[in-house]
Amino acid sequence: MSRGLVLADGLEGVAAFETGLSLIDGDEGRISYRDYPAEAFQYDKSFEEVAYLLWYGKFPMTEKSEEFQRILAARRFLPKHVKLTVDQMPAEVDMMSVLQTAVSALKDCESIWPPSWDQASSIVSKIPTIIAYRQARLEGREMIEPRLDLNHTANYLYMLFGEVPTELQQTMLETYLVLTQELGSNPSTFTARVVASTRSDLISSTSAAIGALKGPLHGGAPSEVLEILREIKSVDRAEAWLRRALESDRRIMGFGHRIFKRQDPRSAMLKALALRFAADHPLVKLAVEVEETILRLLEEYKPGRRLVTNVDYYASVVLSVIGLKESLFTPTFAVSRSVGWCAHIMEQAMHNRLIYPQAVYSRDLHSHRPPAWFGRAADKGLNEAEMPEVVL
């Protein structure tokens, strides 16, 4: 091991930067945006108002809120070349890869350092439109263009479904989008800050974050939660199914979190949301009944691990009740988390230092010598095919 270096597997327990954006208290199960606890605004603040809070440090007054909504709405429309880029991508390319490519193709946020809030608002405004455009193409229809009179959440649902959303749809999605805008140094946000620390542009930092969010251990879990609930089918089958799954080392998605060990407050709030607006929905009933069994068996099979219900479990339920397709779950997560990414990128730019962790060499320097051909390869320019196979 290199002298003076501390190896933290997965960077667990390591703080890479300071932030004034959010407080994440994993032991107590609390989240605060800019000193405001999430419970204080989960139902009565819009997507735009919470984004404004994260970006500018305070909730907007009515006039400012309306102005900010108009600014975001005006920037929803996609340039022609971005549509053409999406059109060229085969149908089998997943939505997150399409979104990452389309964001990379945006030209109104070119390579400028430092990044600006105008650039951030353009990216956040266009992400829902990219998703809706791609979905329309997959369904073989023309895209429904954005409406300037609808707020961010309602417009997203309108572009997807072709009609103004119901109060239930809008309230449930708005709450989800508000609760998932920010969560400190999560994998995708950390990725965005690493890229931003190199003085790369806002587009590149956001695109990299989308790639991180795509992973099933980060943003790709909600659809896998639904697969588990579908396989269980009913509460009377839950225990036997779960015991088989746990004994075969199957990961039970929707449970366990790197930070939250007591409770994930977002999960608790989304559960309350589902029970408040859709208590009689079969999926809500099944999820609530099965959750207790899962938690009990996780403690039995993995004692002391403190595997609590995380946001993905009830996010999958809420997004299903709204009517979103599973392929849209993670992209919809990107709709909200893009606000937090941009806030962190701007914060990184304001107090920038290149993020450059080291690696610890894992082999014993004294037990192995370089193969005989090693020096000759450098001297003679041998290509890989000419080098003998080395067993490591």
Protein backbone atom coordinates (compact mmCIF):
# COMPACT_ATOMS: atom_id res chain seq x y z
CA MET A 1 0.00 0.00 0.00
CA SER A 2 1.26 3.49 -0.83
CA ARG A 3 2.49 5.42 2.18
CA GLY A 4 0.09 7.92 3.70
CA LEU A 5 -2.92 6.78 1.68
CA VAL A 6 -6.09 5.45 3.27
CA LEU A 7 -8.02 2.95 1.16
CA ALA A 8 -11.81 3.32 1.50
CA ASP A 9 -13.63 0.72 -0.57
CA GLY A 10 -16.30 2.48 -2.62
CA LEU A 11 -15.15 5.74 -0.97
CA GLU A 12 -17.40 4.84 1.96
CA GLY A 13 -17.00 7.27 4.83
CA VAL A 14 -15.01 9.71 2.68
CA ALA A 15 -16.10 13.32 2.14
CA ALA A 16 -14.75 14.73 -1.13
CA PHE A 17 -16.17 18.24 -0.88
CA GLU A 18 -18.22 20.67 1.19
CA THR A 19 -21.67 21.74 0.02
CA GLY A 20 -24.28 24.26 1.05
CA LEU A 21 -27.01 22.61 -1.02
CA SER A 22 -28.32 19.84 1.21
CA LEU A 23 -27.90 18.14 4.56
CA ILE A 24 -28.17 14.35 4.42
CA ASP A 25 -28.40 12.82 7.91
CA GLY A 26 -28.28 9.07 7.39
CA ASP A 27 -28.37 8.13 11.07
CA GLU A 28 -31.52 10.13 11.80
CA GLY A 29 -33.07 9.68 8.35
CA ARG A 30 -33.38 13.38 7.48
CA ILE A 31 -32.95 15.44 4.32
CA SER A 32 -32.82 19.24 4.15
CA TYR A 33 -32.48 21.44 1.09
CA ARG A 34 -30.76 24.73 2.00
CA ASP A 35 -31.80 24.27 5.67
CA TYR A 36 -35.43 23.45 4.77
CA PRO A 37 -36.46 19.91 5.81
CA ALA A 38 -38.00 18.00 2.92
CA GLU A 39 -41.17 17.35 4.92
CA ALA A 40 -41.82 21.11 4.95
CA PHE A 41 -42.31 21.41 1.19
CA GLN A 42 -43.11 17.96 -0.18
CA TYR A 43 -46.75 18.78 -1.02
CA ASP A 44 -47.04 22.56 -1.30
CA LYS A 45 -44.05 23.54 -3.45
CA SER A 46 -43.69 23.09 -7.20
CA PHE A 47 -40.76 21.66 -9.12
CA GLU A 48 -39.77 25.18 -10.15
CA GLU A 49 -39.93 26.59 -6.62
CA VAL A 50 -37.69 23.86 -5.19
CA ALA A 51 -35.27 24.18 -8.11
CA TYR A 52 -35.12 27.93 -7.41
CA LEU A 53 -34.37 27.18 -3.75
CA LEU A 54 -31.47 24.89 -4.65
CA TRP A 55 -30.05 27.25 -7.25
CA TYR A 56 -30.49 30.60 -5.52
CA GLY A 57 -30.70 29.70 -1.83
CA LYS A 58 -34.27 30.79 -1.05
CA PHE A 59 -37.83 30.14 -2.13
CA PRO A 60 -39.04 32.68 -4.69
CA MET A 61 -41.76 35.22 -4.05
CA THR A 62 -44.84 34.88 -6.27
CA GLU A 63 -43.60 37.27 -8.96
CA LYS A 64 -40.15 35.64 -9.10
CA SER A 65 -41.71 32.17 -9.15
CA GLU A 66 -43.84 33.06 -12.16
CA GLU A 67 -40.86 34.62 -13.94
CA PHE A 68 -38.70 31.55 -13.30
CA GLN A 69 -41.45 29.27 -14.62
CA ARG A 70 -41.69 31.38 -17.79
CA ILE A 71 -37.91 31.20 -18.29
CA LEU A 72 -37.87 27.41 -18.00
CA ALA A 73 -40.93 27.04 -20.23
CA ALA A 74 -39.42 29.18 -22.99
CA ARG A 75 -36.35 26.92 -23.15
CA ARG A 76 -38.18 23.60 -23.55
CA PHE A 77 -38.05 23.46 -27.33
CA LEU A 78 -35.45 21.27 -29.02
CA PRO A 79 -33.12 22.45 -31.80
CA LYS A 80 -33.63 20.68 -35.11
CA HIS A 81 -30.23 18.98 -35.00
CA VAL A 82 -31.04 17.37 -31.63
CA LYS A 83 -34.24 15.90 -33.06
CA LEU A 84 -32.29 14.60 -36.04
CA THR A 85 -29.75 13.05 -33.67
CA VAL A 86 -32.51 11.23 -31.80
CA ASP A 87 -34.12 10.14 -35.07
CA GLN A 88 -30.91 8.42 -36.16
CA MET A 89 -30.76 6.18 -33.11
CA PRO A 90 -32.14 2.62 -33.48
CA ALA A 91 -35.24 1.71 -31.49
CA GLU A 92 -33.31 -0.81 -29.40
CA VAL A 93 -31.11 1.90 -27.89
CA ASP A 94 -32.36 2.48 -24.35
CA MET A 95 -33.87 5.81 -23.31
CA MET A 96 -31.04 6.78 -20.96
CA SER A 97 -28.44 6.32 -23.69
CA VAL A 98 -30.56 8.39 -26.05
CA LEU A 99 -30.92 11.08 -23.41
CA GLN A 100 -27.17 11.15 -22.77
CA THR A 101 -26.44 11.47 -26.48
CA ALA A 102 -29.06 14.15 -27.06
CA VAL A 103 -27.87 16.22 -24.10
CA SER A 104 -24.32 15.97 -25.46
CA ALA A 105 -25.60 17.36 -28.77
CA LEU A 106 -27.08 20.55 -27.30
CA LYS A 107 -25.40 23.59 -28.80
CA ASP A 108 -26.82 26.46 -26.76
CA CYS A 109 -24.59 25.47 -23.83
CA GLU A 110 -21.25 25.19 -25.61
CA SER A 111 -17.89 24.71 -23.94
CA ILE A 112 -17.87 27.79 -21.75
CA TRP A 113 -16.15 28.09 -18.39
CA PRO A 114 -17.39 28.90 -15.88
CA PRO A 115 -20.89 27.50 -16.47
CA SER A 116 -23.91 29.76 -16.07
CA TRP A 117 -27.41 29.49 -14.65
CA ASP A 118 -28.76 30.22 -18.14
CA GLN A 119 -27.03 27.09 -19.38
CA ALA A 120 -28.39 25.11 -16.44
CA SER A 121 -31.97 26.24 -17.05
CA SER A 122 -31.69 25.29 -20.71
CA ILE A 123 -30.53 21.76 -19.94
CA VAL A 124 -33.11 21.18 -17.19
CA SER A 125 -35.89 22.51 -19.44
CA LYS A 126 -34.95 20.34 -22.42
CA ILE A 127 -34.47 16.97 -20.69
CA PRO A 128 -38.24 16.26 -20.43
CA THR A 129 -38.70 17.29 -24.07
CA ILE A 130 -35.93 14.93 -25.23
CA ILE A 131 -37.60 12.05 -23.37
CA ALA A 132 -41.04 12.88 -24.75
CA TYR A 133 -39.70 13.26 -28.29
CA ARG A 134 -37.96 9.88 -28.17
CA GLN A 135 -41.05 8.22 -26.69
CA ALA A 136 -43.23 9.64 -29.47
CA ARG A 137 -40.85 8.28 -32.09
CA LEU A 138 -40.86 4.84 -30.44
CA GLU A 139 -44.66 4.88 -30.53
CA GLY A 140 -44.66 5.87 -34.21
CA ARG A 141 -46.35 9.24 -33.77
CA GLU A 142 -45.52 12.92 -33.99
CA MET A 143 -44.29 14.55 -30.84
CA ILE A 144 -46.68 16.66 -28.79
CA GLU A 145 -44.94 20.02 -28.53
CA PRO A 146 -44.45 21.70 -25.13
CA ARG A 147 -47.12 24.05 -23.78
CA LEU A 148 -45.93 27.31 -22.32
CA ASP A 149 -48.94 27.66 -20.02
CA LEU A 150 -48.21 24.44 -18.10
CA ASN A 151 -45.64 24.10 -15.34
CA HIS A 152 -42.66 21.75 -15.62
CA THR A 153 -44.41 18.68 -14.20
CA ALA A 154 -47.73 19.12 -15.98
CA ASN A 155 -46.01 19.82 -19.30
CA TYR A 156 -43.89 16.66 -19.03
CA LEU A 157 -46.99 14.52 -18.51
CA TYR A 158 -48.84 16.41 -21.26
CA MET A 159 -46.06 15.70 -23.78
CA LEU A 160 -46.07 12.00 -22.83
CA PHE A 161 -49.84 11.40 -22.69
CA GLY A 162 -51.29 14.05 -25.01
CA GLU A 163 -53.67 15.49 -22.45
CA VAL A 164 -53.47 17.71 -19.41
CA PRO A 165 -52.76 15.46 -16.40
CA THR A 166 -55.27 14.79 -13.69
CA GLU A 167 -54.77 16.33 -10.26
CA LEU A 168 -53.70 12.93 -8.93
CA GLN A 169 -51.09 12.48 -11.66
CA GLN A 170 -49.65 15.94 -11.28
CA THR A 171 -49.56 15.91 -7.47
CA MET A 172 -47.94 12.50 -7.27
CA LEU A 173 -45.31 13.24 -9.91
CA GLU A 174 -44.62 16.74 -8.54
CA THR A 175 -43.94 15.28 -5.10
CA TYR A 176 -41.64 12.64 -6.54
CA LEU A 177 -39.74 15.22 -8.60
CA VAL A 178 -39.37 17.55 -5.61
CA LEU A 179 -38.09 14.82 -3.29
CA THR A 180 -35.49 13.50 -5.75
CA GLN A 181 -33.89 16.71 -7.00
CA GLU A 182 -30.92 16.50 -4.64
CA LEU A 183 -29.11 14.05 -2.35
CA GLY A 184 -25.61 15.28 -1.64
CA SER A 185 -22.67 13.34 -3.06
CA ASN A 186 -24.57 10.49 -4.70
CA PRO A 187 -22.79 8.61 -7.54
CA SER A 188 -24.18 10.66 -10.43
CA THR A 189 -23.67 13.99 -8.67
CA PHE A 190 -20.12 13.01 -7.72
CA THR A 191 -19.52 12.11 -11.36
CA ALA A 192 -20.81 15.52 -12.45
CA ARG A 193 -18.52 17.30 -9.99
CA VAL A 194 -15.47 15.28 -11.03
CA VAL A 195 -16.01 16.23 -14.67
CA ALA A 196 -16.74 19.86 -13.75
CA SER A 197 -13.54 19.99 -11.67
CA THR A 198 -11.53 19.51 -14.87
CA ARG A 199 -13.14 22.74 -16.17
CA SER A 200 -15.12 20.79 -18.71
CA ASP A 201 -18.46 22.32 -19.75
CA LEU A 202 -21.87 21.94 -18.16
CA ILE A 203 -23.13 19.69 -20.96
CA SER A 204 -20.27 17.22 -20.54
CA SER A 205 -20.69 17.15 -16.76
CA THR A 206 -24.45 16.53 -17.09
CA SER A 207 -23.97 13.88 -19.76
CA ALA A 208 -21.52 12.02 -17.53
CA ALA A 209 -24.00 12.18 -14.65
CA ILE A 210 -26.71 10.65 -16.87
CA GLY A 211 -24.38 7.74 -17.59
CA ALA A 212 -23.90 7.15 -13.86
CA LEU A 213 -27.61 7.41 -13.11
CA LYS A 214 -28.33 4.70 -15.69
CA GLY A 215 -26.72 2.01 -13.55
CA PRO A 216 -29.04 -0.41 -11.72
CA LEU A 217 -27.27 0.23 -8.41
CA HIS A 218 -28.12 3.93 -8.67
CA GLY A 219 -31.04 5.20 -10.75
CA GLY A 220 -31.98 2.04 -12.59
CA ALA A 221 -33.53 0.17 -9.66
CA PRO A 222 -37.26 1.16 -9.68
CA SER A 223 -38.15 -0.98 -12.69
CA GLU A 224 -36.47 -3.96 -11.01
CA VAL A 225 -38.63 -3.37 -7.92
CA LEU A 226 -41.72 -3.80 -10.09
CA GLU A 227 -40.32 -7.05 -11.48
CA ILE A 228 -40.00 -8.41 -7.93
CA LEU A 229 -43.57 -7.37 -7.03
CA ARG A 230 -44.86 -8.95 -10.24
CA GLU A 231 -43.13 -12.22 -9.43
CA ILE A 232 -44.45 -12.25 -5.86
CA LYS A 233 -48.02 -11.57 -7.17
CA SER A 234 -49.77 -11.71 -3.79
CA VAL A 235 -48.92 -11.26 -0.13
CA ASP A 236 -49.56 -14.93 0.67
CA ARG A 237 -46.78 -15.91 -1.76
CA ALA A 238 -44.34 -13.30 -0.48
CA GLU A 239 -42.52 -15.17 2.28
CA ALA A 240 -41.81 -18.32 0.29
CA TRP A 241 -40.70 -16.32 -2.75
CA LEU A 242 -38.44 -14.07 -0.70
CA ARG A 243 -36.83 -16.95 1.16
CA ARG A 244 -35.95 -18.62 -2.15
CA ALA A 245 -34.58 -15.33 -3.49
CA LEU A 246 -32.48 -14.60 -0.39
CA GLU A 247 -31.14 -18.15 -0.20
CA SER A 248 -30.01 -17.87 -3.82
CA ASP A 249 -28.32 -14.50 -3.06
CA ARG A 250 -30.70 -12.52 -5.25
CA ARG A 251 -30.54 -8.80 -4.55
CA ILE A 252 -33.88 -7.43 -3.34
CA MET A 253 -34.02 -4.08 -5.09
CA GLY A 254 -35.61 -1.19 -3.20
CA PHE A 255 -33.94 -2.03 0.10
CA GLY A 256 -30.66 -0.90 1.60
CA HIS A 257 -28.89 2.43 1.20
CA ARG A 258 -25.26 3.51 1.58
CA ILE A 259 -26.22 6.56 3.67
CA PHE A 260 -29.61 5.87 5.28
CA LYS A 261 -29.49 3.24 8.03
CA ARG A 262 -32.57 4.16 10.06
CA GLN A 263 -34.99 5.16 7.32
CA ASP A 264 -34.93 6.77 3.90
CA PRO A 265 -37.25 9.73 4.46
CA ARG A 266 -38.06 9.93 0.75
CA SER A 267 -39.42 6.39 0.86
CA ALA A 268 -41.59 7.20 3.89
CA MET A 269 -42.96 10.32 2.18
CA LEU A 270 -43.67 8.52 -1.10
CA LYS A 271 -45.41 5.72 0.81
CA ALA A 272 -47.60 8.30 2.55
CA LEU A 273 -48.28 9.90 -0.83
CA ALA A 274 -49.37 6.60 -2.37
CA LEU A 275 -51.66 5.82 0.58
CA ARG A 276 -53.12 9.34 0.52
CA PHE A 277 -54.02 9.37 -3.17
CA ALA A 278 -54.21 5.73 -4.27
CA ALA A 279 -54.71 3.52 -1.20
CA ASP A 280 -57.08 1.22 -3.07
CA HIS A 281 -54.77 0.67 -6.04
CA PRO A 282 -53.77 -3.05 -6.18
CA LEU A 283 -50.08 -2.25 -6.57
CA VAL A 284 -50.11 0.09 -3.58
CA LYS A 285 -51.83 -2.54 -1.44
CA LEU A 286 -49.37 -5.23 -2.51
CA ALA A 287 -46.30 -3.05 -1.95
CA VAL A 288 -47.39 -2.02 1.54
CA GLU A 289 -48.23 -5.57 2.59
CA VAL A 290 -45.07 -7.11 1.12
CA GLU A 291 -42.74 -4.44 2.55
CA GLU A 292 -43.19 -5.70 6.11
CA THR A 293 -42.30 -9.25 5.08
CA ILE A 294 -39.23 -8.11 3.15
CA LEU A 295 -37.89 -6.07 6.07
CA ARG A 296 -38.43 -8.94 8.52
CA LEU A 297 -36.67 -11.48 6.29
CA LEU A 298 -33.81 -9.15 5.45
CA GLU A 299 -33.10 -8.80 9.17
CA GLU A 300 -33.30 -12.59 9.53
CA TYR A 301 -30.98 -13.38 6.62
CA LYS A 302 -28.71 -10.33 6.90
CA PRO A 303 -28.75 -9.42 10.61
CA GLY A 304 -27.26 -6.10 11.59
CA ARG A 305 -27.08 -4.77 8.01
CA ARG A 306 -29.89 -2.24 8.66
CA LEU A 307 -31.35 -2.65 5.17
CA VAL A 308 -34.15 -0.08 5.18
CA THR A 309 -36.71 0.60 2.45
CA ASN A 310 -35.11 3.05 0.04
CA VAL A 311 -36.63 5.58 -2.34
CA ASP A 312 -36.73 3.15 -5.28
CA TYR A 313 -39.35 0.89 -3.67
CA TYR A 314 -42.19 3.39 -3.46
CA ALA A 315 -40.92 5.43 -6.41
CA SER A 316 -41.73 2.42 -8.60
CA VAL A 317 -45.22 2.29 -7.12
CA VAL A 318 -45.90 6.02 -7.48
CA LEU A 319 -44.64 6.19 -11.06
CA SER A 320 -46.72 3.13 -12.00
CA VAL A 321 -49.88 4.58 -10.49
CA ILE A 322 -49.31 7.76 -12.51
CA GLY A 323 -49.22 5.63 -15.66
CA LEU A 324 -45.58 5.90 -16.69
CA LYS A 325 -43.99 3.01 -18.55
CA GLU A 326 -41.15 1.26 -16.76
CA SER A 327 -38.70 2.38 -19.45
CA LEU A 328 -39.41 5.96 -18.34
CA PHE A 329 -38.70 5.47 -14.63
CA THR A 330 -34.97 6.23 -14.69
CA PRO A 331 -35.28 8.99 -17.32
CA THR A 332 -37.90 10.62 -15.09
CA PHE A 333 -35.40 10.43 -12.24
CA ALA A 334 -33.03 12.38 -14.51
CA VAL A 335 -35.75 15.03 -14.99
CA SER A 336 -35.56 15.82 -11.28
CA ARG A 337 -31.94 15.05 -10.43
CA SER A 338 -30.70 17.30 -13.27
CA VAL A 339 -31.56 20.23 -10.98
CA GLY A 340 -29.21 18.93 -8.29
CA TRP A 341 -26.49 18.11 -10.82
CA CYS A 342 -26.51 21.65 -12.16
CA ALA A 343 -26.48 23.12 -8.64
CA HIS A 344 -23.45 21.01 -7.73
CA ILE A 345 -21.65 21.80 -10.99
CA MET A 346 -22.11 25.51 -10.32
CA GLU A 347 -20.95 25.09 -6.72
CA GLN A 348 -17.89 23.17 -7.89
CA ALA A 349 -17.09 25.88 -10.42
CA MET A 350 -17.29 28.60 -7.78
CA HIS A 351 -14.81 26.84 -5.46
CA ASN A 352 -13.00 24.64 -7.91
CA ARG A 353 -10.13 22.31 -7.20
CA LEU A 354 -9.43 19.37 -9.48
CA ILE A 355 -10.82 16.18 -7.92
CA TYR A 356 -7.94 13.75 -8.28
CA PRO A 357 -7.99 10.74 -5.90
CA GLN A 358 -5.15 8.24 -6.01
CA ALA A 359 -5.19 4.46 -6.32
CA VAL A 360 -3.37 1.96 -4.14
CA TYR A 361 -1.28 -0.57 -6.07
CA SER A 362 -2.52 -4.01 -5.06
CA ARG A 363 0.46 -6.18 -5.93
CA ASP A 364 3.59 -6.92 -3.93
CA LEU A 365 6.43 -5.04 -5.58
CA HIS A 366 9.02 -7.49 -4.26
CA SER A 367 7.40 -10.77 -5.33
CA HIS A 368 7.13 -10.14 -9.07
CA ARG A 369 9.55 -9.02 -11.71
CA PRO A 370 8.58 -7.59 -15.11
CA PRO A 371 8.55 -10.26 -17.85
CA ALA A 372 11.68 -10.51 -20.01
CA TRP A 373 9.97 -8.96 -23.04
CA PHE A 374 8.86 -5.85 -21.10
CA GLY A 375 11.94 -3.71 -21.81
CA ARG A 376 12.23 -4.94 -25.41
CA ALA A 377 8.60 -3.97 -26.10
CA ALA A 378 9.31 -0.39 -25.15
CA ASP A 379 12.61 -0.29 -27.05
CA LYS A 380 11.51 -2.03 -30.24
CA GLY A 381 7.87 -0.98 -30.38
CA LEU A 382 6.46 -4.53 -30.26
CA ASN A 383 2.74 -4.67 -30.80
CA GLU A 384 0.37 -6.55 -28.54
CA ALA A 385 0.13 -9.58 -30.82
CA GLU A 386 3.91 -10.16 -30.59
CA MET A 387 3.94 -10.17 -26.80
CA PRO A 388 3.68 -13.52 -25.00
CA GLU A 389 0.61 -14.20 -22.86
CA VAL A 390 1.09 -13.27 -19.22
CA VAL A 391 -0.97 -14.99 -16.54
CA LEU A 392 -1.82 -12.56 -13.73
